[in-house]
């Protein structure tokens, strides 16, 4: 392959694809955490052993979250097409992919937050309650603060999962690297485009994981200090 000629022809397309993929990946992750963190906290509060146990609310919320996690992303995206058209005004492009990406990732984040909070030492919670801390204070200063290292370890997993979803979204014209791989690499049999796209996706995964690991190490040092 003539790399000079290849990048002269496809560099603009690939840069646009990287930008669209990063926008979908990080934008969707941000909104997924904005929804998923409160849901995960509520799961912990309403659990039978939680601070505010509520059997019915816990069961209903758990059922809704499990339902969101049970559908493969490509099916969920097609299922949400009417809602996407109504909310986003289109069913094509990066903007259209954001809604199904958030809906798919938020339940995953909620369960991850629930798991992270469940690892917090129960003794710390009881100590805070004995000192008269409110539920909100316990959530903010005990649950989220003590569970932060675990939450950060889960962040790269979430981002990488969403990255995989963006590639699937390319099947229905959402844009990004997945769309380039399908339109050029698969439909036009251009193996060079497919190979470069795969390499870029691998590099993105490695970067996300490396940055996540660095954040966790630095946070652990600060908390131990």
C-alpha atoms as a PDB file:
ATOM      1  CA  UNK A   1       0.000   0.000   0.000  1.00  0.00           C
ATOM      2  CA  UNK A   2       1.263   3.466  -0.913  1.00  0.00           C
ATOM      3  CA  UNK A   3       0.833   5.220   2.438  1.00  0.00           C
ATOM      4  CA  UNK A   4       1.455   8.664   0.979  1.00  0.00           C
ATOM      5  CA  UNK A   5      -1.256   8.309  -1.638  1.00  0.00           C
ATOM      6  CA  UNK A   6      -3.581   6.616   0.836  1.00  0.00           C
ATOM      7  CA  UNK A   7      -3.402   9.364   3.444  1.00  0.00           C
ATOM      8  CA  UNK A   8      -3.553  12.070   0.786  1.00  0.00           C
ATOM      9  CA  UNK A   9      -6.872  10.617  -0.337  1.00  0.00           C
ATOM     10  CA  UNK A  10      -8.396   9.499   2.964  1.00  0.00           C
ATOM     11  CA  UNK A  11      -6.817  11.615   5.710  1.00  0.00           C
ATOM     12  CA  UNK A  12      -9.669  14.118   5.722  1.00  0.00           C
ATOM     13  CA  UNK A  13     -12.261  11.362   5.845  1.00  0.00           C
ATOM     14  CA  UNK A  14     -10.460   9.530   8.643  1.00  0.00           C
ATOM     15  CA  UNK A  15      -9.962  12.694  10.711  1.00  0.00           C
ATOM     16  CA  UNK A  16     -13.656  13.463  10.395  1.00  0.00           C
ATOM     17  CA  UNK A  17     -14.458   9.899  11.411  1.00  0.00           C
ATOM     18  CA  UNK A  18     -12.189  10.122  14.461  1.00  0.00           C
ATOM     19  CA  UNK A  19     -13.817  13.404  15.474  1.00  0.00           C
ATOM     20  CA  UNK A  20     -17.339  12.008  15.082  1.00  0.00           C
ATOM     21  CA  UNK A  21     -16.423   8.840  16.975  1.00  0.00           C
ATOM     22  CA  UNK A  22     -14.856  10.794  19.859  1.00  0.00           C
ATOM     23  CA  UNK A  23     -17.883  13.092  20.011  1.00  0.00           C
ATOM     24  CA  UNK A  24     -20.269  10.145  20.214  1.00  0.00           C
ATOM     25  CA  UNK A  25     -18.032   8.251  22.619  1.00  0.00           C
ATOM     26  CA  UNK A  26     -17.312  10.989  25.161  1.00  0.00           C
ATOM     27  CA  UNK A  27     -20.573  12.900  24.770  1.00  0.00           C
ATOM     28  CA  UNK A  28     -22.685   9.789  25.264  1.00  0.00           C
ATOM     29  CA  UNK A  29     -20.555   8.670  28.207  1.00  0.00           C
ATOM     30  CA  UNK A  30     -21.017  12.058  29.887  1.00  0.00           C
ATOM     31  CA  UNK A  31     -24.797  11.925  29.594  1.00  0.00           C
ATOM     32  CA  UNK A  32     -24.833   8.237  30.540  1.00  0.00           C
ATOM     33  CA  UNK A  33     -23.028   9.053  33.794  1.00  0.00           C
ATOM     34  CA  UNK A  34     -25.348  11.990  34.452  1.00  0.00           C
ATOM     35  CA  UNK A  35     -28.241   9.520  34.344  1.00  0.00           C
ATOM     36  CA  UNK A  36     -26.569   6.343  35.558  1.00  0.00           C
ATOM     37  CA  UNK A  37     -24.910   7.683  38.727  1.00  0.00           C
ATOM     38  CA  UNK A  38     -28.195   8.856  40.317  1.00  0.00           C
ATOM     39  CA  UNK A  39     -29.859   5.594  39.299  1.00  0.00           C
ATOM     40  CA  UNK A  40     -27.042   3.564  40.847  1.00  0.00           C
ATOM     41  CA  UNK A  41     -27.248   5.584  44.059  1.00  0.00           C
ATOM     42  CA  UNK A  42     -31.009   5.039  44.218  1.00  0.00           C
ATOM     43  CA  UNK A  43     -30.508   1.303  43.775  1.00  0.00           C
ATOM     44  CA  UNK A  44     -28.203   1.300  46.805  1.00  0.00           C
ATOM     45  CA  UNK A  45     -30.513   3.465  48.902  1.00  0.00           C
ATOM     46  CA  UNK A  46     -33.622   1.424  48.093  1.00  0.00           C
ATOM     47  CA  UNK A  47     -31.958  -1.984  48.421  1.00  0.00           C
ATOM     48  CA  UNK A  48     -33.165  -4.169  51.338  1.00  0.00           C
ATOM     49  CA  UNK A  49     -29.948  -3.392  53.222  1.00  0.00           C
ATOM     50  CA  UNK A  50     -29.795   0.257  52.075  1.00  0.00           C
ATOM     51  CA  UNK A  51     -30.288   3.475  53.982  1.00  0.00           C
ATOM     52  CA  UNK A  52     -33.832   3.924  52.674  1.00  0.00           C
ATOM     53  CA  UNK A  53     -35.051   0.409  51.841  1.00  0.00           C
ATOM     54  CA  UNK A  54     -38.057   0.343  49.544  1.00  0.00           C
ATOM     55  CA  UNK A  55     -38.901  -3.060  48.158  1.00  0.00           C
ATOM     56  CA  UNK A  56     -41.289  -1.972  45.393  1.00  0.00           C
ATOM     57  CA  UNK A  57     -39.209   0.970  44.150  1.00  0.00           C
ATOM     58  CA  UNK A  58     -36.053  -1.154  44.171  1.00  0.00           C
ATOM     59  CA  UNK A  59     -37.747  -3.933  42.206  1.00  0.00           C
ATOM     60  CA  UNK A  60     -39.240  -1.565  39.613  1.00  0.00           C
ATOM     61  CA  UNK A  61     -36.007   0.383  39.092  1.00  0.00           C
ATOM     62  CA  UNK A  62     -33.994  -2.828  38.897  1.00  0.00           C
ATOM     63  CA  UNK A  63     -36.417  -4.219  36.323  1.00  0.00           C
ATOM     64  CA  UNK A  64     -36.192  -1.079  34.177  1.00  0.00           C
ATOM     65  CA  UNK A  65     -32.384  -1.101  34.293  1.00  0.00           C
ATOM     66  CA  UNK A  66     -32.208  -4.797  33.480  1.00  0.00           C
ATOM     67  CA  UNK A  67     -34.570  -4.279  30.556  1.00  0.00           C
ATOM     68  CA  UNK A  68     -32.272  -1.580  29.182  1.00  0.00           C
ATOM     69  CA  UNK A  69     -29.268  -3.895  29.500  1.00  0.00           C
ATOM     70  CA  UNK A  70     -30.983  -6.886  27.928  1.00  0.00           C
ATOM     71  CA  UNK A  71     -31.303  -5.531  24.376  1.00  0.00           C
ATOM     72  CA  UNK A  72     -28.338  -5.719  21.999  1.00  0.00           C
ATOM     73  CA  UNK A  73     -27.370  -2.223  20.956  1.00  0.00           C
ATOM     74  CA  UNK A  74     -28.184  -2.593  17.268  1.00  0.00           C
ATOM     75  CA  UNK A  75     -31.708  -3.788  18.132  1.00  0.00           C
ATOM     76  CA  UNK A  76     -32.154  -1.022  20.701  1.00  0.00           C
ATOM     77  CA  UNK A  77     -31.087   1.549  18.128  1.00  0.00           C
ATOM     78  CA  UNK A  78     -33.672   0.355  15.640  1.00  0.00           C
ATOM     79  CA  UNK A  79     -36.325   0.103  18.363  1.00  0.00           C
ATOM     80  CA  UNK A  80     -35.689   3.722  19.394  1.00  0.00           C
ATOM     81  CA  UNK A  81     -35.889   5.060  15.832  1.00  0.00           C
ATOM     82  CA  UNK A  82     -39.279   6.810  16.356  1.00  0.00           C
ATOM     83  CA  UNK A  83     -38.094   8.329  19.642  1.00  0.00           C
ATOM     84  CA  UNK A  84     -34.811   9.386  18.063  1.00  0.00           C
ATOM     85  CA  UNK A  85     -36.648  11.086  15.211  1.00  0.00           C
ATOM     86  CA  UNK A  86     -38.973  12.867  17.654  1.00  0.00           C
ATOM     87  CA  UNK A  87     -36.255  13.995  20.081  1.00  0.00           C
ATOM     88  CA  UNK A  88     -33.254  14.586  17.825  1.00  0.00           C
ATOM     89  CA  UNK A  89     -35.109  15.514  14.635  1.00  0.00           C
ATOM     90  CA  UNK A  90     -33.251  12.944  12.516  1.00  0.00           C
ATOM     91  CA  UNK A  91     -32.333   9.270  12.425  1.00  0.00           C
ATOM     92  CA  UNK A  92     -29.022   9.719  10.610  1.00  0.00           C
ATOM     93  CA  UNK A  93     -25.649  11.044  11.662  1.00  0.00           C
ATOM     94  CA  UNK A  94     -23.856  11.633  14.933  1.00  0.00           C
ATOM     95  CA  UNK A  95     -26.712  13.496  16.590  1.00  0.00           C
ATOM     96  CA  UNK A  96     -29.131  10.648  15.941  1.00  0.00           C
ATOM     97  CA  UNK A  97     -26.754   8.126  17.497  1.00  0.00           C
ATOM     98  CA  UNK A  98     -26.482   9.997  20.804  1.00  0.00           C
ATOM     99  CA  UNK A  99     -29.895   9.055  22.186  1.00  0.00           C
ATOM    100  CA  UNK A 100     -29.609   5.265  21.743  1.00  0.00           C
ATOM    101  CA  UNK A 101     -25.986   5.383  22.939  1.00  0.00           C
ATOM    102  CA  UNK A 102     -27.031   7.104  26.169  1.00  0.00           C
ATOM    103  CA  UNK A 103     -30.035   4.827  26.670  1.00  0.00           C
ATOM    104  CA  UNK A 104     -27.825   1.782  26.194  1.00  0.00           C
ATOM    105  CA  UNK A 105     -24.929   2.960  28.380  1.00  0.00           C
ATOM    106  CA  UNK A 106     -26.854   4.494  31.307  1.00  0.00           C
ATOM    107  CA  UNK A 107     -28.139   1.149  32.704  1.00  0.00           C
ATOM    108  CA  UNK A 108     -24.607  -0.251  32.464  1.00  0.00           C
ATOM    109  CA  UNK A 109     -23.296   2.743  34.429  1.00  0.00           C
ATOM    110  CA  UNK A 110     -26.070   2.384  37.020  1.00  0.00           C
ATOM    111  CA  UNK A 111     -25.149  -1.221  37.789  1.00  0.00           C
ATOM    112  CA  UNK A 112     -21.468  -0.342  37.897  1.00  0.00           C
ATOM    113  CA  UNK A 113     -22.167   2.483  40.364  1.00  0.00           C
ATOM    114  CA  UNK A 114     -24.266   0.136  42.475  1.00  0.00           C
ATOM    115  CA  UNK A 115     -21.398  -2.362  42.555  1.00  0.00           C
ATOM    116  CA  UNK A 116     -18.833   0.320  43.453  1.00  0.00           C
ATOM    117  CA  UNK A 117     -20.938   1.717  46.275  1.00  0.00           C
ATOM    118  CA  UNK A 118     -21.639  -1.765  47.613  1.00  0.00           C
ATOM    119  CA  UNK A 119     -17.881  -2.196  48.122  1.00  0.00           C
ATOM    120  CA  UNK A 120     -17.749   0.761  50.544  1.00  0.00           C
ATOM    121  CA  UNK A 121     -17.029  -0.336  54.109  1.00  0.00           C
ATOM    122  CA  UNK A 122     -20.325  -0.598  55.984  1.00  0.00           C
ATOM    123  CA  UNK A 123     -18.527   0.583  59.118  1.00  0.00           C
ATOM    124  CA  UNK A 124     -17.932   3.982  57.530  1.00  0.00           C
ATOM    125  CA  UNK A 125     -21.625   4.290  56.740  1.00  0.00           C
ATOM    126  CA  UNK A 126     -22.641   3.355  60.282  1.00  0.00           C
ATOM    127  CA  UNK A 127     -20.111   5.808  61.726  1.00  0.00           C
ATOM    128  CA  UNK A 128     -21.534   8.610  59.585  1.00  0.00           C
ATOM    129  CA  UNK A 129     -25.088   7.726  60.633  1.00  0.00           C
ATOM    130  CA  UNK A 130     -24.131   7.656  64.309  1.00  0.00           C
ATOM    131  CA  UNK A 131     -22.743  11.190  63.962  1.00  0.00           C
ATOM    132  CA  UNK A 132     -26.069  12.393  62.588  1.00  0.00           C
ATOM    133  CA  UNK A 133     -25.150  12.656  58.904  1.00  0.00           C
ATOM    134  CA  UNK A 134     -28.085  12.998  56.544  1.00  0.00           C
ATOM    135  CA  UNK A 135     -28.721  10.596  53.709  1.00  0.00           C
ATOM    136  CA  UNK A 136     -27.406  13.127  51.181  1.00  0.00           C
ATOM    137  CA  UNK A 137     -24.259  13.679  53.247  1.00  0.00           C
ATOM    138  CA  UNK A 138     -23.638   9.935  53.426  1.00  0.00           C
ATOM    139  CA  UNK A 139     -24.147   9.603  49.673  1.00  0.00           C
ATOM    140  CA  UNK A 140     -21.796  12.477  48.892  1.00  0.00           C
ATOM    141  CA  UNK A 141     -19.104  12.070  51.539  1.00  0.00           C
ATOM    142  CA  UNK A 142     -19.092   8.296  52.065  1.00  0.00           C
ATOM    143  CA  UNK A 143     -20.638   6.453  49.138  1.00  0.00           C
ATOM    144  CA  UNK A 144     -19.253   8.532  46.270  1.00  0.00           C
ATOM    145  CA  UNK A 145     -16.017   9.626  47.938  1.00  0.00           C
ATOM    146  CA  UNK A 146     -14.988   6.161  49.118  1.00  0.00           C
ATOM    147  CA  UNK A 147     -16.276   4.508  45.966  1.00  0.00           C
ATOM    148  CA  UNK A 148     -14.508   6.948  43.636  1.00  0.00           C
ATOM    149  CA  UNK A 149     -11.459   4.741  42.887  1.00  0.00           C
ATOM    150  CA  UNK A 150     -13.748   1.897  41.872  1.00  0.00           C
ATOM    151  CA  UNK A 151     -15.899   4.260  39.825  1.00  0.00           C
ATOM    152  CA  UNK A 152     -12.841   5.544  37.991  1.00  0.00           C
ATOM    153  CA  UNK A 153     -11.721   1.997  37.237  1.00  0.00           C
ATOM    154  CA  UNK A 154     -15.072   1.438  35.592  1.00  0.00           C
ATOM    155  CA  UNK A 155     -14.915   4.633  33.527  1.00  0.00           C
ATOM    156  CA  UNK A 156     -12.548   3.289  30.825  1.00  0.00           C
ATOM    157  CA  UNK A 157     -14.675   0.155  30.584  1.00  0.00           C
ATOM    158  CA  UNK A 158     -17.739   2.305  29.943  1.00  0.00           C
ATOM    159  CA  UNK A 159     -15.999   4.516  27.394  1.00  0.00           C
ATOM    160  CA  UNK A 160     -14.612   1.516  25.511  1.00  0.00           C
ATOM    161  CA  UNK A 161     -18.029  -0.163  25.567  1.00  0.00           C
ATOM    162  CA  UNK A 162     -19.589   2.976  24.087  1.00  0.00           C
ATOM    163  CA  UNK A 163     -16.816   3.036  21.475  1.00  0.00           C
ATOM    164  CA  UNK A 164     -17.898  -0.443  20.406  1.00  0.00           C
ATOM    165  CA  UNK A 165     -21.491   0.773  20.209  1.00  0.00           C
ATOM    166  CA  UNK A 166     -20.475   3.679  17.946  1.00  0.00           C
ATOM    167  CA  UNK A 167     -18.965   1.202  15.515  1.00  0.00           C
ATOM    168  CA  UNK A 168     -22.261  -0.701  15.445  1.00  0.00           C
ATOM    169  CA  UNK A 169     -24.120   2.566  14.930  1.00  0.00           C
ATOM    170  CA  UNK A 170     -22.184   2.945  11.692  1.00  0.00           C
ATOM    171  CA  UNK A 171     -24.333   0.129  10.285  1.00  0.00           C
ATOM    172  CA  UNK A 172     -27.286   2.516  10.135  1.00  0.00           C
ATOM    173  CA  UNK A 173     -25.483   5.634   8.976  1.00  0.00           C
ATOM    174  CA  UNK A 174     -24.516   7.178  12.314  1.00  0.00           C
ATOM    175  CA  UNK A 175     -21.137   8.315  11.032  1.00  0.00           C
ATOM    176  CA  UNK A 176     -17.751   7.858  12.663  1.00  0.00           C
ATOM    177  CA  UNK A 177     -15.133   5.189  12.116  1.00  0.00           C
ATOM    178  CA  UNK A 178     -17.694   2.389  12.064  1.00  0.00           C
ATOM    179  CA  UNK A 179     -19.506   4.016   9.156  1.00  0.00           C
ATOM    180  CA  UNK A 180     -16.207   4.437   7.269  1.00  0.00           C
ATOM    181  CA  UNK A 181     -15.266   0.794   7.847  1.00  0.00           C
ATOM    182  CA  UNK A 182     -18.630  -0.394   6.561  1.00  0.00           C
ATOM    183  CA  UNK A 183     -19.020   1.948   3.577  1.00  0.00           C
ATOM    184  CA  UNK A 184     -15.444   1.755   2.322  1.00  0.00           C
ATOM    185  CA  UNK A 185     -13.890  -1.342   3.864  1.00  0.00           C
ATOM    186  CA  UNK A 186     -16.857  -3.718   3.577  1.00  0.00           C
ATOM    187  CA  UNK A 187     -19.192  -2.468   0.845  1.00  0.00           C
ATOM    188  CA  UNK A 188     -16.437  -1.287  -1.518  1.00  0.00           C
ATOM    189  CA  UNK A 189     -13.936  -4.036  -0.628  1.00  0.00           C
ATOM    190  CA  UNK A 190     -11.211  -1.530   0.262  1.00  0.00           C
ATOM    191  CA  UNK A 191      -9.146  -3.575   2.679  1.00  0.00           C
ATOM    192  CA  UNK A 192      -6.668  -0.757   3.264  1.00  0.00           C
ATOM    193  CA  UNK A 193      -9.411   1.501   4.663  1.00  0.00           C
ATOM    194  CA  UNK A 194     -10.731  -1.318   6.827  1.00  0.00           C
ATOM    195  CA  UNK A 195      -7.261  -2.108   8.199  1.00  0.00           C
ATOM    196  CA  UNK A 196      -6.444   1.511   9.031  1.00  0.00           C
ATOM    197  CA  UNK A 197      -9.835   1.975  10.686  1.00  0.00           C
ATOM    198  CA  UNK A 198      -9.265  -1.085  12.862  1.00  0.00           C
ATOM    199  CA  UNK A 199      -5.819   0.190  13.856  1.00  0.00           C
ATOM    200  CA  UNK A 200      -7.262   3.586  14.823  1.00  0.00           C
ATOM    201  CA  UNK A 201      -9.941   1.916  16.967  1.00  0.00           C
ATOM    202  CA  UNK A 202      -7.291  -0.186  18.721  1.00  0.00           C
ATOM    203  CA  UNK A 203      -5.220   2.936  19.393  1.00  0.00           C
ATOM    204  CA  UNK A 204      -8.272   4.738  20.820  1.00  0.00           C
ATOM    205  CA  UNK A 205      -8.979   1.810  23.155  1.00  0.00           C
ATOM    206  CA  UNK A 206      -5.378   1.749  24.364  1.00  0.00           C
ATOM    207  CA  UNK A 207      -5.376   5.508  24.963  1.00  0.00           C
ATOM    208  CA  UNK A 208      -8.623   5.435  26.916  1.00  0.00           C
ATOM    209  CA  UNK A 209      -7.464   2.535  29.086  1.00  0.00           C
ATOM    210  CA  UNK A 210      -4.053   4.095  29.711  1.00  0.00           C
ATOM    211  CA  UNK A 211      -5.527   7.451  30.737  1.00  0.00           C
ATOM    212  CA  UNK A 212      -8.026   5.684  33.002  1.00  0.00           C
ATOM    213  CA  UNK A 213      -5.289   3.658  34.688  1.00  0.00           C
ATOM    214  CA  UNK A 214      -3.221   6.823  35.205  1.00  0.00           C
ATOM    215  CA  UNK A 215      -6.144   8.617  36.850  1.00  0.00           C
ATOM    216  CA  UNK A 216      -6.781   5.706  39.214  1.00  0.00           C
ATOM    217  CA  UNK A 217      -3.111   5.504  40.247  1.00  0.00           C
ATOM    218  CA  UNK A 218      -2.913   9.233  40.938  1.00  0.00           C
ATOM    219  CA  UNK A 219      -6.167   9.213  42.897  1.00  0.00           C
ATOM    220  CA  UNK A 220      -5.025   6.263  44.998  1.00  0.00           C
ATOM    221  CA  UNK A 221      -1.802   8.091  45.884  1.00  0.00           C
ATOM    222  CA  UNK A 222      -3.699  11.238  46.894  1.00  0.00           C
ATOM    223  CA  UNK A 223      -6.189   9.314  49.038  1.00  0.00           C
ATOM    224  CA  UNK A 224      -3.432   7.341  50.749  1.00  0.00           C
ATOM    225  CA  UNK A 225      -1.496  10.540  51.423  1.00  0.00           C
END
